[in-house]
mmCIF file of all heavy atoms, coordinates in Angstrom:
data_MODEL
# 
_entry.id   MODEL 
# 
loop_
_atom_site.group_PDB 
_atom_site.id 
_atom_site.type_symbol 
_atom_site.label_atom_id 
_atom_site.label_alt_id 
_atom_site.label_comp_id 
_atom_site.label_asym_id 
_atom_site.label_entity_id 
_atom_site.label_seq_id 
_atom_site.pdbx_PDB_ins_code 
_atom_site.Cartn_x 
_atom_site.Cartn_y 
_atom_site.Cartn_z 
_atom_site.occupancy 
_atom_site.B_iso_or_equiv 
_atom_site.pdbx_formal_charge 
_atom_site.auth_seq_id 
_atom_site.auth_comp_id 
_atom_site.auth_asym_id 
_atom_site.auth_atom_id 
_atom_site.pdbx_PDB_model_num 
ATOM 1   N N   . ALA A 1 1  ? 76.498 35.695 104.924 1.00 0.00 ? 1  ALA A N   1 
ATOM 2   C CA  . ALA A 1 1  ? 77.291 36.630 104.204 1.00 0.00 ? 1  ALA A CA  1 
ATOM 3   C C   . ALA A 1 1  ? 78.189 35.901 103.203 1.00 0.00 ? 1  ALA A C   1 
ATOM 4   O O   . ALA A 1 1  ? 78.331 36.239 102.010 1.00 0.00 ? 1  ALA A O   1 
ATOM 5   C CB  . ALA A 1 1  ? 78.196 37.417 105.080 1.00 0.00 ? 1  ALA A CB  1 
ATOM 6   N N   . ARG A 1 2  ? 78.711 34.680 103.585 1.00 0.00 ? 2  ARG A N   1 
ATOM 7   C CA  . ARG A 1 2  ? 79.603 33.979 102.706 1.00 0.00 ? 2  ARG A CA  1 
ATOM 8   C C   . ARG A 1 2  ? 78.762 33.440 101.396 1.00 0.00 ? 2  ARG A C   1 
ATOM 9   O O   . ARG A 1 2  ? 79.150 33.455 100.331 1.00 0.00 ? 2  ARG A O   1 
ATOM 10  C CB  . ARG A 1 2  ? 80.110 32.777 103.364 1.00 0.00 ? 2  ARG A CB  1 
ATOM 11  C CG  . ARG A 1 2  ? 81.043 31.896 102.509 1.00 0.00 ? 2  ARG A CG  1 
ATOM 12  C CD  . ARG A 1 2  ? 81.781 30.871 103.366 1.00 0.00 ? 2  ARG A CD  1 
ATOM 13  N NE  . ARG A 1 2  ? 80.902 30.083 104.144 1.00 0.00 ? 2  ARG A NE  1 
ATOM 14  C CZ  . ARG A 1 2  ? 81.153 29.422 105.271 1.00 0.00 ? 2  ARG A CZ  1 
ATOM 15  N NH1 . ARG A 1 2  ? 82.445 29.452 105.627 1.00 0.00 ? 2  ARG A NH1 1 
ATOM 16  N NH2 . ARG A 1 2  ? 80.277 28.727 105.974 1.00 0.00 ? 2  ARG A NH2 1 
ATOM 17  N N   . THR A 1 3  ? 77.579 32.995 101.733 1.00 0.00 ? 3  THR A N   1 
ATOM 18  C CA  . THR A 1 3  ? 76.672 32.600 100.653 1.00 0.00 ? 3  THR A CA  1 
ATOM 19  C C   . THR A 1 3  ? 76.367 33.743 99.718  1.00 0.00 ? 3  THR A C   1 
ATOM 20  O O   . THR A 1 3  ? 76.436 33.496 98.446  1.00 0.00 ? 3  THR A O   1 
ATOM 21  C CB  . THR A 1 3  ? 75.252 32.067 101.250 1.00 0.00 ? 3  THR A CB  1 
ATOM 22  O OG1 . THR A 1 3  ? 75.492 30.905 102.149 1.00 0.00 ? 3  THR A OG1 1 
ATOM 23  C CG2 . THR A 1 3  ? 74.292 31.584 100.148 1.00 0.00 ? 3  THR A CG2 1 
ATOM 24  N N   . TYR A 1 4  ? 75.995 34.878 100.180 1.00 0.00 ? 4  TYR A N   1 
ATOM 25  C CA  . TYR A 1 4  ? 75.647 36.051 99.379  1.00 0.00 ? 4  TYR A CA  1 
ATOM 26  C C   . TYR A 1 4  ? 76.881 36.444 98.570  1.00 0.00 ? 4  TYR A C   1 
ATOM 27  O O   . TYR A 1 4  ? 76.809 36.718 97.424  1.00 0.00 ? 4  TYR A O   1 
ATOM 28  C CB  . TYR A 1 4  ? 75.134 37.175 100.211 1.00 0.00 ? 4  TYR A CB  1 
ATOM 29  C CG  . TYR A 1 4  ? 74.765 38.475 99.524  1.00 0.00 ? 4  TYR A CG  1 
ATOM 30  C CD1 . TYR A 1 4  ? 73.455 38.650 99.224  1.00 0.00 ? 4  TYR A CD1 1 
ATOM 31  C CD2 . TYR A 1 4  ? 75.662 39.410 99.174  1.00 0.00 ? 4  TYR A CD2 1 
ATOM 32  C CE1 . TYR A 1 4  ? 73.059 39.790 98.489  1.00 0.00 ? 4  TYR A CE1 1 
ATOM 33  C CE2 . TYR A 1 4  ? 75.350 40.581 98.458  1.00 0.00 ? 4  TYR A CE2 1 
ATOM 34  C CZ  . TYR A 1 4  ? 74.003 40.747 98.151  1.00 0.00 ? 4  TYR A CZ  1 
ATOM 35  O OH  . TYR A 1 4  ? 73.563 41.883 97.404  1.00 0.00 ? 4  TYR A OH  1 
ATOM 36  N N   . LEU A 1 5  ? 78.072 36.485 99.203  1.00 0.00 ? 5  LEU A N   1 
ATOM 37  C CA  . LEU A 1 5  ? 79.266 36.905 98.533  1.00 0.00 ? 5  LEU A CA  1 
ATOM 38  C C   . LEU A 1 5  ? 79.699 35.982 97.475  1.00 0.00 ? 5  LEU A C   1 
ATOM 39  O O   . LEU A 1 5  ? 80.114 36.466 96.338  1.00 0.00 ? 5  LEU A O   1 
ATOM 40  C CB  . LEU A 1 5  ? 80.346 37.172 99.554  1.00 0.00 ? 5  LEU A CB  1 
ATOM 41  C CG  . LEU A 1 5  ? 80.254 38.359 100.447 1.00 0.00 ? 5  LEU A CG  1 
ATOM 42  C CD1 . LEU A 1 5  ? 81.320 38.331 101.564 1.00 0.00 ? 5  LEU A CD1 1 
ATOM 43  C CD2 . LEU A 1 5  ? 80.573 39.622 99.513  1.00 0.00 ? 5  LEU A CD2 1 
ATOM 44  N N   . ARG A 1 6  ? 79.626 34.737 97.574  1.00 0.00 ? 6  ARG A N   1 
ATOM 45  C CA  . ARG A 1 6  ? 80.166 33.794 96.593  1.00 0.00 ? 6  ARG A CA  1 
ATOM 46  C C   . ARG A 1 6  ? 79.326 33.888 95.340  1.00 0.00 ? 6  ARG A C   1 
ATOM 47  O O   . ARG A 1 6  ? 79.892 33.815 94.241  1.00 0.00 ? 6  ARG A O   1 
ATOM 48  C CB  . ARG A 1 6  ? 80.115 32.353 97.164  1.00 0.00 ? 6  ARG A CB  1 
ATOM 49  C CG  . ARG A 1 6  ? 81.296 32.152 98.072  1.00 0.00 ? 6  ARG A CG  1 
ATOM 50  C CD  . ARG A 1 6  ? 81.529 30.683 98.500  1.00 0.00 ? 6  ARG A CD  1 
ATOM 51  N NE  . ARG A 1 6  ? 82.786 30.435 99.133  1.00 0.00 ? 6  ARG A NE  1 
ATOM 52  C CZ  . ARG A 1 6  ? 83.139 29.351 99.696  1.00 0.00 ? 6  ARG A CZ  1 
ATOM 53  N NH1 . ARG A 1 6  ? 82.328 28.276 99.762  1.00 0.00 ? 6  ARG A NH1 1 
ATOM 54  N NH2 . ARG A 1 6  ? 84.408 29.191 100.227 1.00 0.00 ? 6  ARG A NH2 1 
ATOM 55  N N   . ILE A 1 7  ? 78.021 34.053 95.486  1.00 0.00 ? 7  ILE A N   1 
ATOM 56  C CA  . ILE A 1 7  ? 77.203 34.257 94.282  1.00 0.00 ? 7  ILE A CA  1 
ATOM 57  C C   . ILE A 1 7  ? 77.569 35.530 93.627  1.00 0.00 ? 7  ILE A C   1 
ATOM 58  O O   . ILE A 1 7  ? 77.677 35.667 92.370  1.00 0.00 ? 7  ILE A O   1 
ATOM 59  C CB  . ILE A 1 7  ? 75.677 34.201 94.745  1.00 0.00 ? 7  ILE A CB  1 
ATOM 60  C CG1 . ILE A 1 7  ? 75.251 32.885 95.293  1.00 0.00 ? 7  ILE A CG1 1 
ATOM 61  C CG2 . ILE A 1 7  ? 74.824 34.667 93.552  1.00 0.00 ? 7  ILE A CG2 1 
ATOM 62  C CD1 . ILE A 1 7  ? 73.959 32.817 95.905  1.00 0.00 ? 7  ILE A CD1 1 
ATOM 63  N N   . THR A 1 8  ? 77.759 36.561 94.392  1.00 0.00 ? 8  THR A N   1 
ATOM 64  C CA  . THR A 1 8  ? 78.026 37.925 93.797  1.00 0.00 ? 8  THR A CA  1 
ATOM 65  C C   . THR A 1 8  ? 79.358 37.916 93.157  1.00 0.00 ? 8  THR A C   1 
ATOM 66  O O   . THR A 1 8  ? 79.541 38.409 92.058  1.00 0.00 ? 8  THR A O   1 
ATOM 67  C CB  . THR A 1 8  ? 78.001 38.945 94.899  1.00 0.00 ? 8  THR A CB  1 
ATOM 68  O OG1 . THR A 1 8  ? 76.740 38.999 95.549  1.00 0.00 ? 8  THR A OG1 1 
ATOM 69  C CG2 . THR A 1 8  ? 78.180 40.404 94.352  1.00 0.00 ? 8  THR A CG2 1 
ATOM 70  N N   . PHE A 1 9  ? 80.363 37.277 93.797  1.00 0.00 ? 9  PHE A N   1 
ATOM 71  C CA  . PHE A 1 9  ? 81.768 37.176 93.218  1.00 0.00 ? 9  PHE A CA  1 
ATOM 72  C C   . PHE A 1 9  ? 81.684 36.386 91.847  1.00 0.00 ? 9  PHE A C   1 
ATOM 73  O O   . PHE A 1 9  ? 82.424 36.727 90.955  1.00 0.00 ? 9  PHE A O   1 
ATOM 74  C CB  . PHE A 1 9  ? 82.736 36.550 94.196  1.00 0.00 ? 9  PHE A CB  1 
ATOM 75  C CG  . PHE A 1 9  ? 83.324 37.529 95.205  1.00 0.00 ? 9  PHE A CG  1 
ATOM 76  C CD1 . PHE A 1 9  ? 83.204 37.200 96.522  1.00 0.00 ? 9  PHE A CD1 1 
ATOM 77  C CD2 . PHE A 1 9  ? 83.843 38.699 94.785  1.00 0.00 ? 9  PHE A CD2 1 
ATOM 78  C CE1 . PHE A 1 9  ? 83.723 38.085 97.492  1.00 0.00 ? 9  PHE A CE1 1 
ATOM 79  C CE2 . PHE A 1 9  ? 84.353 39.607 95.731  1.00 0.00 ? 9  PHE A CE2 1 
ATOM 80  C CZ  . PHE A 1 9  ? 84.295 39.304 97.083  1.00 0.00 ? 9  PHE A CZ  1 
ATOM 81  N N   . ALA A 1 10 ? 80.908 35.368 91.820  1.00 0.00 ? 10 ALA A N   1 
ATOM 82  C CA  . ALA A 1 10 ? 80.777 34.612 90.625  1.00 0.00 ? 10 ALA A CA  1 
ATOM 83  C C   . ALA A 1 10 ? 80.321 35.380 89.363  1.00 0.00 ? 10 ALA A C   1 
ATOM 84  O O   . ALA A 1 10 ? 80.684 35.139 88.223  1.00 0.00 ? 10 ALA A O   1 
ATOM 85  C CB  . ALA A 1 10 ? 79.890 33.355 90.859  1.00 0.00 ? 10 ALA A CB  1 
ATOM 86  N N   . GLY A 1 11 ? 79.415 36.439 89.679  1.00 0.00 ? 11 GLY A N   1 
ATOM 87  C CA  . GLY A 1 11 ? 79.024 37.333 88.643  1.00 0.00 ? 11 GLY A CA  1 
ATOM 88  C C   . GLY A 1 11 ? 79.753 38.622 88.670  1.00 0.00 ? 11 GLY A C   1 
ATOM 89  O O   . GLY A 1 11 ? 79.183 39.593 88.039  1.00 0.00 ? 11 GLY A O   1 
ATOM 90  N N   . ALA A 1 12 ? 80.914 38.696 89.217  1.00 0.00 ? 12 ALA A N   1 
ATOM 91  C CA  . ALA A 1 12 ? 81.685 39.990 89.337  1.00 0.00 ? 12 ALA A CA  1 
ATOM 92  C C   . ALA A 1 12 ? 81.936 40.649 87.925  1.00 0.00 ? 12 ALA A C   1 
ATOM 93  O O   . ALA A 1 12 ? 81.942 41.909 87.842  1.00 0.00 ? 12 ALA A O   1 
ATOM 94  C CB  . ALA A 1 12 ? 82.916 39.830 90.107  1.00 0.00 ? 12 ALA A CB  1 
ATOM 95  N N   . PHE A 1 13 ? 82.216 39.795 86.908  1.00 0.00 ? 13 PHE A N   1 
ATOM 96  C CA  . PHE A 1 13 ? 82.448 40.356 85.610  1.00 0.00 ? 13 PHE A CA  1 
ATOM 97  C C   . PHE A 1 13 ? 81.403 41.223 85.116  1.00 0.00 ? 13 PHE A C   1 
ATOM 98  O O   . PHE A 1 13 ? 81.700 42.141 84.352  1.00 0.00 ? 13 PHE A O   1 
ATOM 99  C CB  . PHE A 1 13 ? 82.839 39.251 84.664  1.00 0.00 ? 13 PHE A CB  1 
ATOM 100 C CG  . PHE A 1 13 ? 81.672 38.457 84.254  1.00 0.00 ? 13 PHE A CG  1 
ATOM 101 C CD1 . PHE A 1 13 ? 80.995 38.720 83.084  1.00 0.00 ? 13 PHE A CD1 1 
ATOM 102 C CD2 . PHE A 1 13 ? 81.253 37.358 84.997  1.00 0.00 ? 13 PHE A CD2 1 
ATOM 103 C CE1 . PHE A 1 13 ? 79.852 37.957 82.673  1.00 0.00 ? 13 PHE A CE1 1 
ATOM 104 C CE2 . PHE A 1 13 ? 80.094 36.633 84.622  1.00 0.00 ? 13 PHE A CE2 1 
ATOM 105 C CZ  . PHE A 1 13 ? 79.459 36.955 83.456  1.00 0.00 ? 13 PHE A CZ  1 
ATOM 106 N N   . THR A 1 14 ? 80.166 40.943 85.457  1.00 0.00 ? 14 THR A N   1 
ATOM 107 C CA  . THR A 1 14 ? 79.017 41.790 85.009  1.00 0.00 ? 14 THR A CA  1 
ATOM 108 C C   . THR A 1 14 ? 79.114 43.166 85.553  1.00 0.00 ? 14 THR A C   1 
ATOM 109 O O   . THR A 1 14 ? 78.847 44.117 84.796  1.00 0.00 ? 14 THR A O   1 
ATOM 110 C CB  . THR A 1 14 ? 77.720 41.191 85.336  1.00 0.00 ? 14 THR A CB  1 
ATOM 111 O OG1 . THR A 1 14 ? 77.559 41.219 86.820  1.00 0.00 ? 14 THR A OG1 1 
ATOM 112 C CG2 . THR A 1 14 ? 77.557 39.727 84.914  1.00 0.00 ? 14 THR A CG2 1 
ATOM 113 N N   . MET A 1 15 ? 79.548 43.356 86.782  1.00 0.00 ? 15 MET A N   1 
ATOM 114 C CA  . MET A 1 15 ? 79.646 44.696 87.406  1.00 0.00 ? 15 MET A CA  1 
ATOM 115 C C   . MET A 1 15 ? 80.797 45.429 86.732  1.00 0.00 ? 15 MET A C   1 
ATOM 116 O O   . MET A 1 15 ? 80.659 46.625 86.491  1.00 0.00 ? 15 MET A O   1 
ATOM 117 C CB  . MET A 1 15 ? 79.921 44.418 88.930  1.00 0.00 ? 15 MET A CB  1 
ATOM 118 C CG  . MET A 1 15 ? 80.029 45.820 89.620  1.00 0.00 ? 15 MET A CG  1 
ATOM 119 S SD  . MET A 1 15 ? 80.403 45.637 91.461  1.00 0.00 ? 15 MET A SD  1 
ATOM 120 C CE  . MET A 1 15 ? 82.114 45.104 91.317  1.00 0.00 ? 15 MET A CE  1 
ATOM 121 N N   . PHE A 1 16 ? 81.905 44.685 86.461  1.00 0.00 ? 16 PHE A N   1 
ATOM 122 C CA  . PHE A 1 16 ? 83.011 45.368 85.831  1.00 0.00 ? 16 PHE A CA  1 
ATOM 123 C C   . PHE A 1 16 ? 82.703 45.915 84.488  1.00 0.00 ? 16 PHE A C   1 
ATOM 124 O O   . PHE A 1 16 ? 83.011 47.043 84.126  1.00 0.00 ? 16 PHE A O   1 
ATOM 125 C CB  . PHE A 1 16 ? 84.203 44.421 85.762  1.00 0.00 ? 16 PHE A CB  1 
ATOM 126 C CG  . PHE A 1 16 ? 85.042 44.314 86.973  1.00 0.00 ? 16 PHE A CG  1 
ATOM 127 C CD1 . PHE A 1 16 ? 84.487 43.879 88.222  1.00 0.00 ? 16 PHE A CD1 1 
ATOM 128 C CD2 . PHE A 1 16 ? 86.397 44.527 86.980  1.00 0.00 ? 16 PHE A CD2 1 
ATOM 129 C CE1 . PHE A 1 16 ? 85.297 43.754 89.343  1.00 0.00 ? 16 PHE A CE1 1 
ATOM 130 C CE2 . PHE A 1 16 ? 87.197 44.428 88.038  1.00 0.00 ? 16 PHE A CE2 1 
ATOM 131 C CZ  . PHE A 1 16 ? 86.588 44.042 89.339  1.00 0.00 ? 16 PHE A CZ  1 
ATOM 132 N N   . VAL A 1 17 ? 82.104 45.060 83.612  1.00 0.00 ? 17 VAL A N   1 
ATOM 133 C CA  . VAL A 1 17 ? 81.752 45.484 82.330  1.00 0.00 ? 17 VAL A CA  1 
ATOM 134 C C   . VAL A 1 17 ? 80.669 46.625 82.296  1.00 0.00 ? 17 VAL A C   1 
ATOM 135 O O   . VAL A 1 17 ? 80.794 47.525 81.544  1.00 0.00 ? 17 VAL A O   1 
ATOM 136 C CB  . VAL A 1 17 ? 81.222 44.268 81.503  1.00 0.00 ? 17 VAL A CB  1 
ATOM 137 C CG1 . VAL A 1 17 ? 80.683 44.748 80.153  1.00 0.00 ? 17 VAL A CG1 1 
ATOM 138 C CG2 . VAL A 1 17 ? 82.290 43.227 81.293  1.00 0.00 ? 17 VAL A CG2 1 
ATOM 139 N N   . LEU A 1 18 ? 79.737 46.530 83.362  1.00 0.00 ? 18 LEU A N   1 
ATOM 140 C CA  . LEU A 1 18 ? 78.744 47.525 83.389  1.00 0.00 ? 18 LEU A CA  1 
ATOM 141 C C   . LEU A 1 18 ? 79.365 48.867 83.854  1.00 0.00 ? 18 LEU A C   1 
ATOM 142 O O   . LEU A 1 18 ? 79.027 49.909 83.197  1.00 0.00 ? 18 LEU A O   1 
ATOM 143 C CB  . LEU A 1 18 ? 77.655 47.156 84.447  1.00 0.00 ? 18 LEU A CB  1 
ATOM 144 C CG  . LEU A 1 18 ? 76.542 48.032 84.675  1.00 0.00 ? 18 LEU A CG  1 
ATOM 145 C CD1 . LEU A 1 18 ? 75.754 48.283 83.361  1.00 0.00 ? 18 LEU A CD1 1 
ATOM 146 C CD2 . LEU A 1 18 ? 75.575 47.476 85.775  1.00 0.00 ? 18 LEU A CD2 1 
ATOM 147 N N   . PHE A 1 19 ? 80.253 48.934 84.781  1.00 0.00 ? 19 PHE A N   1 
ATOM 148 C CA  . PHE A 1 19 ? 80.969 50.108 85.151  1.00 0.00 ? 19 PHE A CA  1 
ATOM 149 C C   . PHE A 1 19 ? 81.678 50.774 84.081  1.00 0.00 ? 19 PHE A C   1 
ATOM 150 O O   . PHE A 1 19 ? 81.559 51.958 83.813  1.00 0.00 ? 19 PHE A O   1 
ATOM 151 C CB  . PHE A 1 19 ? 81.930 49.864 86.362  1.00 0.00 ? 19 PHE A CB  1 
ATOM 152 C CG  . PHE A 1 19 ? 81.280 49.853 87.741  1.00 0.00 ? 19 PHE A CG  1 
ATOM 153 C CD1 . PHE A 1 19 ? 79.948 49.825 87.910  1.00 0.00 ? 19 PHE A CD1 1 
ATOM 154 C CD2 . PHE A 1 19 ? 82.049 49.949 88.841  1.00 0.00 ? 19 PHE A CD2 1 
ATOM 155 C CE1 . PHE A 1 19 ? 79.372 49.754 89.173  1.00 0.00 ? 19 PHE A CE1 1 
ATOM 156 C CE2 . PHE A 1 19 ? 81.555 49.917 90.127  1.00 0.00 ? 19 PHE A CE2 1 
ATOM 157 C CZ  . PHE A 1 19 ? 80.163 49.853 90.247  1.00 0.00 ? 19 PHE A CZ  1 
ATOM 158 N N   . VAL A 1 20 ? 82.484 49.943 83.404  1.00 0.00 ? 20 VAL A N   1 
ATOM 159 C CA  . VAL A 1 20 ? 83.329 50.569 82.360  1.00 0.00 ? 20 VAL A CA  1 
ATOM 160 C C   . VAL A 1 20 ? 82.513 51.001 81.192  1.00 0.00 ? 20 VAL A C   1 
ATOM 161 O O   . VAL A 1 20 ? 82.740 52.028 80.603  1.00 0.00 ? 20 VAL A O   1 
ATOM 162 C CB  . VAL A 1 20 ? 84.403 49.531 81.929  1.00 0.00 ? 20 VAL A CB  1 
ATOM 163 C CG1 . VAL A 1 20 ? 85.286 49.975 80.748  1.00 0.00 ? 20 VAL A CG1 1 
ATOM 164 C CG2 . VAL A 1 20 ? 85.431 49.296 83.173  1.00 0.00 ? 20 VAL A CG2 1 
ATOM 165 N N   . GLY A 1 21 ? 81.549 50.216 80.774  1.00 0.00 ? 21 GLY A N   1 
ATOM 166 C CA  . GLY A 1 21 ? 80.695 50.537 79.680  1.00 0.00 ? 21 GLY A CA  1 
ATOM 167 C C   . GLY A 1 21 ? 79.947 51.823 79.916  1.00 0.00 ? 21 GLY A C   1 
ATOM 168 O O   . GLY A 1 21 ? 79.880 52.681 78.976  1.00 0.00 ? 21 GLY A O   1 
ATOM 169 N N   . ASN A 1 22 ? 79.380 51.900 81.058  1.00 0.00 ? 22 ASN A N   1 
ATOM 170 C CA  . ASN A 1 22 ? 78.660 53.181 81.437  1.00 0.00 ? 22 ASN A CA  1 
ATOM 171 C C   . ASN A 1 22 ? 79.650 54.397 81.449  1.00 0.00 ? 22 ASN A C   1 
ATOM 172 O O   . ASN A 1 22 ? 79.312 55.487 81.062  1.00 0.00 ? 22 ASN A O   1 
ATOM 173 C CB  . ASN A 1 22 ? 77.992 53.141 82.783  1.00 0.00 ? 22 ASN A CB  1 
ATOM 174 C CG  . ASN A 1 22 ? 76.692 52.315 82.632  1.00 0.00 ? 22 ASN A CG  1 
ATOM 175 O OD1 . ASN A 1 22 ? 76.038 52.209 81.681  1.00 0.00 ? 22 ASN A OD1 1 
ATOM 176 N ND2 . ASN A 1 22 ? 76.209 51.835 83.825  1.00 0.00 ? 22 ASN A ND2 1 
ATOM 177 N N   . SER A 1 23 ? 80.864 54.122 81.828  1.00 0.00 ? 23 SER A N   1 
ATOM 178 C CA  . SER A 1 23 ? 81.887 55.220 81.894  1.00 0.00 ? 23 SER A CA  1 
ATOM 179 C C   . SER A 1 23 ? 82.269 55.742 80.473  1.00 0.00 ? 23 SER A C   1 
ATOM 180 O O   . SER A 1 23 ? 82.509 56.894 80.242  1.00 0.00 ? 23 SER A O   1 
ATOM 181 C CB  . SER A 1 23 ? 83.120 54.762 82.708  1.00 0.00 ? 23 SER A CB  1 
ATOM 182 O OG  . SER A 1 23 ? 82.821 54.548 84.044  1.00 0.00 ? 23 SER A OG  1 
ATOM 183 N N   . VAL A 1 24 ? 82.328 54.760 79.640  1.00 0.00 ? 24 VAL A N   1 
ATOM 184 C CA  . VAL A 1 24 ? 82.604 55.105 78.169  1.00 0.00 ? 24 VAL A CA  1 
ATOM 185 C C   . VAL A 1 24 ? 81.446 55.948 77.612  1.00 0.00 ? 24 VAL A C   1 
ATOM 186 O O   . VAL A 1 24 ? 81.726 57.005 77.000  1.00 0.00 ? 24 VAL A O   1 
ATOM 187 C CB  . VAL A 1 24 ? 82.849 53.845 77.327  1.00 0.00 ? 24 VAL A CB  1 
ATOM 188 C CG1 . VAL A 1 24 ? 82.869 54.176 75.867  1.00 0.00 ? 24 VAL A CG1 1 
ATOM 189 C CG2 . VAL A 1 24 ? 84.143 53.139 77.798  1.00 0.00 ? 24 VAL A CG2 1 
ATOM 190 N N   . LEU A 1 25 ? 80.365 55.633 77.865  1.00 0.00 ? 25 LEU A N   1 
ATOM 191 C CA  . LEU A 1 25 ? 79.082 56.287 77.400  1.00 0.00 ? 25 LEU A CA  1 
ATOM 192 C C   . LEU A 1 25 ? 79.139 57.777 78.073  1.00 0.00 ? 25 LEU A C   1 
ATOM 193 O O   . LEU A 1 25 ? 78.870 58.706 77.356  1.00 0.00 ? 25 LEU A O   1 
ATOM 194 C CB  . LEU A 1 25 ? 77.839 55.700 77.716  1.00 0.00 ? 25 LEU A CB  1 
ATOM 195 C CG  . LEU A 1 25 ? 77.567 54.408 76.907  1.00 0.00 ? 25 LEU A CG  1 
ATOM 196 C CD1 . LEU A 1 25 ? 76.286 53.619 77.446  1.00 0.00 ? 25 LEU A CD1 1 
ATOM 197 C CD2 . LEU A 1 25 ? 77.403 54.680 75.472  1.00 0.00 ? 25 LEU A CD2 1 
ATOM 198 N N   . GLN A 1 26 ? 79.428 57.751 79.313  1.00 0.00 ? 26 GLN A N   1 
ATOM 199 C CA  . GLN A 1 26 ? 79.445 59.076 79.995  1.00 0.00 ? 26 GLN A CA  1 
ATOM 200 C C   . GLN A 1 26 ? 80.579 59.961 79.382  1.00 0.00 ? 26 GLN A C   1 
ATOM 201 O O   . GLN A 1 26 ? 80.380 61.124 79.263  1.00 0.00 ? 26 GLN A O   1 
ATOM 202 C CB  . GLN A 1 26 ? 79.879 58.824 81.569  1.00 0.00 ? 26 GLN A CB  1 
ATOM 203 C CG  . GLN A 1 26 ? 80.300 59.959 82.327  1.00 0.00 ? 26 GLN A CG  1 
ATOM 204 C CD  . GLN A 1 26 ? 81.128 59.599 83.555  1.00 0.00 ? 26 GLN A CD  1 
ATOM 205 O OE1 . GLN A 1 26 ? 80.764 58.728 84.206  1.00 0.00 ? 26 GLN A OE1 1 
ATOM 206 N NE2 . GLN A 1 26 ? 82.113 60.414 83.849  1.00 0.00 ? 26 GLN A NE2 1 
ATOM 207 N N   . ALA A 1 27 ? 81.736 59.405 79.148  1.00 0.00 ? 27 ALA A N   1 
ATOM 208 C CA  . ALA A 1 27 ? 82.821 60.189 78.560  1.00 0.00 ? 27 ALA A CA  1 
ATOM 209 C C   . ALA A 1 27 ? 82.503 60.816 77.254  1.00 0.00 ? 27 ALA A C   1 
ATOM 210 O O   . ALA A 1 27 ? 82.887 61.931 76.880  1.00 0.00 ? 27 ALA A O   1 
ATOM 211 C CB  . ALA A 1 27 ? 84.052 59.382 78.494  1.00 0.00 ? 27 ALA A CB  1 
# 
């Protein structure tokens, strides 16, 4: 789990930008 999470956390900014960008389009 630690291995999986550290890789995912390193790319967390991609999830943030994707969430917000999709929300802007949705709005």
